[in-house]
Protein backbone atom coordinates (compact mmCIF):
# COMPACT_ATOMS: atom_id res chain seq x y z
CA MET A 1 101.84 141.78 112.90
CA ARG A 2 101.52 138.00 113.31
CA VAL A 3 103.74 135.49 111.59
CA VAL A 4 102.40 131.95 111.86
CA VAL A 5 105.15 129.18 111.85
CA PRO A 6 103.56 125.70 111.38
CA ALA A 7 106.21 124.10 113.71
CA THR A 8 107.17 123.92 117.34
CA ALA A 9 109.50 126.59 118.84
CA GLY A 10 113.16 125.85 118.70
CA GLY A 11 113.40 124.16 115.45
CA ALA A 12 115.23 125.39 112.26
CA LEU A 13 112.13 126.97 110.74
CA ASP A 14 111.24 128.79 114.03
CA VAL A 15 114.81 130.18 114.59
CA VAL A 16 115.12 131.52 111.02
CA ALA A 17 111.71 133.11 111.23
CA ARG A 18 112.53 135.00 114.41
CA GLN A 19 115.88 136.29 113.18
CA LEU A 20 114.09 137.55 109.85
CA MET A 21 111.13 139.05 111.84
CA GLN A 22 113.35 140.98 114.13
CA LYS A 23 115.11 142.54 111.06
CA LEU A 24 111.83 143.03 109.26
CA GLY A 25 110.42 144.68 112.36
CA GLU A 26 113.23 147.11 112.65
CA GLY A 27 112.94 147.97 108.93
CA LEU A 28 109.16 148.60 108.96
CA GLY A 29 109.16 150.15 112.49
CA ALA A 30 106.60 147.49 113.56
CA GLN A 31 106.38 144.75 115.98
CA PHE A 32 106.18 141.00 114.74
CA ILE A 33 104.91 138.28 116.96
CA VAL A 34 105.84 134.62 116.00
CA ASP A 35 102.89 132.46 116.37
CA ASN A 36 103.90 128.73 116.70
CA ARG A 37 101.12 126.33 115.48
CA GLY A 38 102.65 123.08 115.02
CA GLY A 39 100.65 119.81 114.27
CA ALA A 40 98.99 117.91 111.42
CA ALA A 41 102.21 118.16 109.27
CA GLY A 42 101.87 121.91 109.31
CA SER A 43 98.29 122.18 108.06
CA ILE A 44 96.98 123.58 111.37
CA GLY A 45 99.22 126.65 110.95
CA ALA A 46 98.63 126.93 107.27
CA GLU A 47 94.87 126.77 107.90
CA ASN A 48 94.96 129.48 110.38
CA VAL A 49 96.53 131.89 107.99
CA ALA A 50 94.27 130.84 105.12
CA ARG A 51 91.19 131.77 107.17
CA SER A 52 92.70 135.07 108.54
CA ALA A 53 91.75 138.37 107.36
CA PRO A 54 93.82 139.51 104.21
CA ASP A 55 94.80 142.85 105.83
CA GLY A 56 98.59 142.37 105.92
CA TYR A 57 98.72 141.72 109.54
CA THR A 58 99.05 137.92 109.28
CA LEU A 59 101.72 136.12 107.53
CA LEU A 60 102.79 132.55 107.10
CA PHE A 61 106.35 131.24 107.02
CA ALA A 62 106.52 127.72 105.97
CA SER A 63 108.76 125.16 104.35
CA SER A 64 108.21 123.23 101.18
CA SER A 65 107.29 120.21 103.29
CA VAL A 66 104.04 122.08 104.23
CA LEU A 67 103.50 123.87 101.02
CA ALA A 68 104.53 121.31 98.28
CA ILE A 69 105.08 117.80 99.69
CA ASN A 70 102.53 117.12 102.43
CA PRO A 71 99.51 118.13 100.13
CA THR A 72 100.64 115.79 97.37
CA LEU A 73 100.81 112.95 99.88
CA GLY A 74 97.14 112.94 100.29
CA ALA A 75 96.86 115.20 103.33
CA LYS A 76 93.26 116.43 103.61
CA THR A 77 92.96 120.29 104.22
CA SER A 78 90.23 122.80 104.04
CA TYR A 79 92.42 124.96 101.85
CA ASP A 80 93.92 124.91 98.49
CA ILE A 81 97.75 125.29 98.84
CA LEU A 82 98.22 127.06 95.53
CA ARG A 83 95.03 129.33 95.59
CA ASN A 84 94.43 130.36 99.26
CA PHE A 85 97.79 132.08 99.88
CA ALA A 86 99.40 135.20 98.49
CA PRO A 87 103.02 134.68 97.90
CA VAL A 88 105.46 137.24 99.28
CA ILE A 89 109.16 136.14 98.93
CA LEU A 90 111.20 132.86 98.53
CA VAL A 91 113.61 133.21 101.44
CA GLY A 92 116.04 130.28 100.81
CA TYR A 93 116.61 126.81 99.75
CA ALA A 94 118.65 123.92 101.19
CA PRO A 95 119.46 120.70 99.14
CA ASN A 96 120.03 117.17 100.13
CA VAL A 97 123.49 115.76 99.72
CA LEU A 98 123.84 112.58 97.92
CA ALA A 99 126.55 110.55 99.91
CA VAL A 100 127.81 106.96 99.93
CA HIS A 101 129.65 104.75 102.28
CA PRO A 102 133.38 104.65 101.31
CA SER A 103 133.18 100.79 100.83
CA LEU A 104 131.09 101.56 97.67
CA PRO A 105 133.49 102.06 94.74
CA ALA A 106 131.61 105.13 93.39
CA ARG A 107 133.34 108.53 93.29
CA THR A 108 130.96 110.29 90.92
CA VAL A 109 127.13 110.22 90.36
CA LYS A 110 127.66 108.49 86.99
CA GLU A 111 129.57 105.68 88.71
CA LEU A 112 126.98 105.15 91.34
CA ILE A 113 124.29 105.02 88.71
CA ALA A 114 126.42 102.37 86.71
CA ILE A 115 126.74 100.26 89.92
CA ALA A 116 123.02 100.48 90.58
CA LYS A 117 122.15 99.43 86.89
CA ALA A 118 124.52 96.51 87.10
CA LYS A 119 122.81 95.21 90.24
CA PRO A 120 119.16 96.27 90.25
CA GLY A 121 117.77 96.56 93.77
CA ALA A 122 120.93 95.52 95.52
CA LEU A 123 121.97 98.95 96.75
CA ALA A 124 119.86 100.42 99.65
CA PHE A 125 119.40 104.12 100.31
CA ALA A 126 118.56 105.67 103.77
CA SER A 127 115.91 108.37 104.13
CA ASN A 128 114.73 110.34 107.18
CA GLY A 129 111.24 108.54 106.80
CA ALA A 130 108.56 107.57 104.28
CA GLY A 131 107.15 110.60 102.52
CA THR A 132 110.02 112.89 103.67
CA LEU A 133 112.03 115.04 101.19
CA SER A 134 114.99 112.69 101.48
CA HIS A 135 112.64 109.84 100.52
CA LEU A 136 111.17 111.72 97.51
CA THR A 137 114.64 112.84 96.50
CA GLY A 138 115.73 109.12 96.25
CA ALA A 139 112.55 108.38 94.36
CA LEU A 140 113.22 111.15 91.87
CA PHE A 141 116.84 110.06 91.56
CA MET A 142 115.76 106.59 90.59
CA GLN A 143 113.17 107.71 88.26
CA GLN A 144 115.46 110.06 86.20
CA ALA A 145 118.54 107.60 86.35
CA HIS A 146 116.30 104.59 85.57
CA ILE A 147 117.68 102.45 88.25
CA ASP A 148 116.21 100.68 91.33
CA MET A 149 117.43 100.92 94.86
CA LEU A 150 115.98 99.65 98.08
CA HIS A 151 114.47 102.41 100.12
CA VAL A 152 115.31 102.04 103.94
CA PRO A 153 113.41 104.50 105.92
CA TYR A 154 114.44 105.75 109.43
CA LYS A 155 112.61 107.71 112.16
CA SER A 156 114.71 110.96 111.54
CA ALA A 157 118.01 112.15 109.86
CA ALA A 158 120.26 111.14 112.85
CA PRO A 159 119.65 107.40 112.81
CA ALA A 160 119.67 107.38 109.05
CA VAL A 161 123.15 109.12 108.89
CA ILE A 162 124.47 106.77 111.60
CA ALA A 163 123.43 103.76 109.55
CA ALA A 164 124.87 105.04 106.42
CA ALA A 165 128.20 105.95 108.14
CA ALA A 166 128.28 102.44 109.65
CA GLY A 167 127.84 100.86 106.26
CA GLU A 168 124.32 99.46 106.93
CA VAL A 169 123.18 101.16 103.81
CA ALA A 170 125.26 102.13 100.90
CA VAL A 171 123.53 105.51 99.88
CA ILE A 172 121.88 108.46 101.56
CA PHE A 173 120.18 111.62 100.76
CA SER A 174 120.23 114.00 103.68
CA ALA A 175 120.60 117.70 104.48
CA TYR A 176 124.29 119.08 104.47
CA PRO A 177 124.31 119.84 108.20
CA SER A 178 123.24 116.19 108.94
CA VAL A 179 126.13 114.55 106.84
CA SER A 180 128.92 117.23 106.90
CA VAL A 181 130.58 115.77 110.08
CA GLN A 182 130.68 112.21 108.72
CA MET A 183 131.84 113.47 105.40
CA GLN A 184 134.76 115.34 106.97
CA ALA A 185 135.67 112.26 109.25
CA GLY A 186 135.76 110.12 105.97
CA LYS A 187 132.76 107.94 107.04
CA LEU A 188 130.69 109.18 104.10
CA ARG A 189 131.61 110.38 100.65
CA GLY A 190 129.83 113.18 99.19
CA LEU A 191 129.02 112.86 95.52
CA ALA A 192 126.70 115.70 94.77
CA VAL A 193 124.16 118.22 95.95
CA THR A 194 120.52 118.04 94.70
CA SER A 195 119.92 121.83 94.19
CA ALA A 196 120.08 123.52 90.75
CA ARG A 197 123.27 125.35 91.74
CA ARG A 198 126.34 124.46 93.96
CA ILE A 199 126.08 125.66 97.66
CA ALA A 200 128.48 127.98 99.42
CA ALA A 201 128.82 125.36 102.34
CA ALA A 202 130.25 122.78 100.05
CA PRO A 203 131.52 124.37 96.68
CA ALA A 204 133.58 121.39 95.74
CA LEU A 205 130.33 119.24 95.46
CA PRO A 206 128.78 119.38 91.95
CA THR A 207 125.14 119.31 91.50
CA VAL A 208 123.32 116.09 90.58
CA ALA A 209 122.31 117.88 87.34
CA GLU A 210 125.80 118.84 86.28
CA ALA A 211 127.31 115.41 87.35
CA ALA A 212 124.73 113.06 85.61
CA LEU A 213 121.19 114.15 85.30
CA PRO A 214 120.41 117.45 83.63
CA GLY A 215 117.49 119.26 85.18
CA PHE A 216 117.59 117.38 88.45
CA GLU A 217 116.54 119.48 91.45
CA SER A 218 115.34 118.68 94.83
CA THR A 219 115.42 121.22 97.83
CA GLN A 220 113.83 122.12 100.94
CA TRP A 221 112.76 125.83 100.77
CA TRP A 222 111.05 128.43 102.85
CA GLY A 223 108.74 131.05 101.86
CA PHE A 224 106.57 133.91 103.33
CA TYR A 225 102.86 134.08 102.37
CA GLY A 226 99.82 136.12 103.36
CA PRO A 227 96.16 135.00 103.01
CA ALA A 228 94.81 135.15 99.46
CA GLY A 229 93.62 138.78 98.72
CA THR A 230 96.33 140.49 100.83
CA PRO A 231 96.83 143.96 99.15
CA PRO A 232 99.35 144.13 96.51
CA GLU A 233 101.00 147.17 97.96
CA VAL A 234 101.50 145.40 101.17
CA ILE A 235 103.05 142.26 99.32
CA ALA A 236 105.37 144.78 97.47
CA ARG A 237 106.50 146.56 100.73
CA LEU A 238 107.21 143.25 102.46
CA ASN A 239 109.01 141.84 99.55
CA ARG A 240 111.15 144.88 99.24
CA GLU A 241 112.22 144.89 102.81
CA MET A 242 112.73 141.15 102.78
CA ASN A 243 114.96 141.28 99.60
CA ALA A 244 117.19 143.75 101.58
CA ILE A 245 117.49 141.59 104.65
CA LEU A 246 118.48 138.60 102.56
CA THR A 247 121.58 140.41 101.44
CA THR A 248 123.03 141.07 104.98
CA ALA A 249 125.81 139.05 106.32
CA ASP A 250 124.10 137.86 109.48
CA THR A 251 121.18 136.55 107.62
CA ARG A 252 123.24 134.73 105.14
CA LYS A 253 125.32 133.20 108.03
CA ARG A 254 122.14 132.04 109.72
CA LEU A 255 120.73 130.33 106.52
CA ALA A 256 124.24 128.80 105.82
CA ALA A 257 124.10 127.11 109.33
CA GLU A 258 121.09 125.29 107.92
CA GLY A 259 123.00 124.42 104.70
CA ALA A 260 120.71 126.87 102.98
CA GLU A 261 121.21 129.46 100.31
CA PRO A 262 119.36 132.88 100.35
CA ALA A 263 117.01 133.30 97.45
CA GLY A 264 114.77 136.46 97.16
CA GLY A 265 113.20 137.73 94.06
CA THR A 266 109.73 138.85 93.39
CA ALA A 267 106.39 137.28 94.66
CA ALA A 268 105.86 136.03 91.13
CA ASP A 269 109.21 134.13 91.33
CA LEU A 270 107.94 132.40 94.54
CA ALA A 271 104.66 131.66 92.96
CA ALA A 272 106.36 130.02 90.06
CA TYR A 273 108.76 128.07 92.08
CA HIS A 274 106.19 126.83 94.33
CA LYS A 275 103.85 125.65 91.57
CA ALA A 276 106.78 123.81 89.79
CA ASP A 277 107.82 122.07 93.04
CA TYR A 278 104.31 120.99 93.89
CA GLU A 279 103.96 119.63 90.37
CA ARG A 280 107.28 117.84 90.62
CA TRP A 281 106.55 115.98 93.70
CA GLU A 282 102.99 115.18 92.64
CA LYS A 283 104.35 113.38 89.63
CA VAL A 284 107.15 111.54 91.69
CA ILE A 285 104.68 110.43 94.34
CA ARG A 286 102.13 109.23 91.81
CA ALA A 287 104.87 107.32 89.70
CA ALA A 288 106.41 105.70 92.73
CA GLY A 289 103.10 104.98 94.66
CA ILE A 290 104.33 106.80 97.74
CA LYS A 291 101.85 107.37 100.71
CA GLY A 292 102.20 109.51 103.71
CA GLU A 293 102.52 107.79 107.16
């Protein structure tokens, strides 16, 4: 059985996929081959699966960047992201952390919003680049809080975090593993996480939703899919096995290393979550006039 990962080998998506496939292979008594097909913002790998026979022998393991964000940024593909894939299971999700430089006198999300409202456009927030989840999270935050901040895109998470810790920008939205060291060193102050629920890696941090903006949610998530038309009994078997795997201690530890929480649930749960996330970012991108690079 082949699992297409639309990213190069060695990254977080690939590492998680290989661990899960090893366990799934043991549970099913089958051999899984991870097929890395990076490029074109993930669309090369996704297209390969969309065109594969729906016989249960080909799966896609992809992130929300590929499945919900990039398609809304105007990326042209030969497939429909919501119709040409059969959802299997939502594996996990990882929020951004909303953090500020200690020089900013904001210790809560409400205080940050008040400062931003008092000085429209004066605060700058760092992101991992235009069109990335951290950028869109900042745009969603501004839209829901009715504030205006200056977006400063960097080439990746590392330079964005360095700039925020140095005080070059006052605010940053970034994954927990990217900012945790700087937070522990006192160079950044975490205010909240952007998921719907608190995360095990940082239980003291409230969610943005509970701290100030009810309903706020922004996560990077991972899901398994087959080509549209994959037999329901195959989907059900894979879903059952994966739900069991997500309860194991080593799987939860692997996800926690990425600042992620295990999810699980039914294939229908993934379909609903995917659709809601796609529609969320479509609205945010349209309202903010964001375009992919």
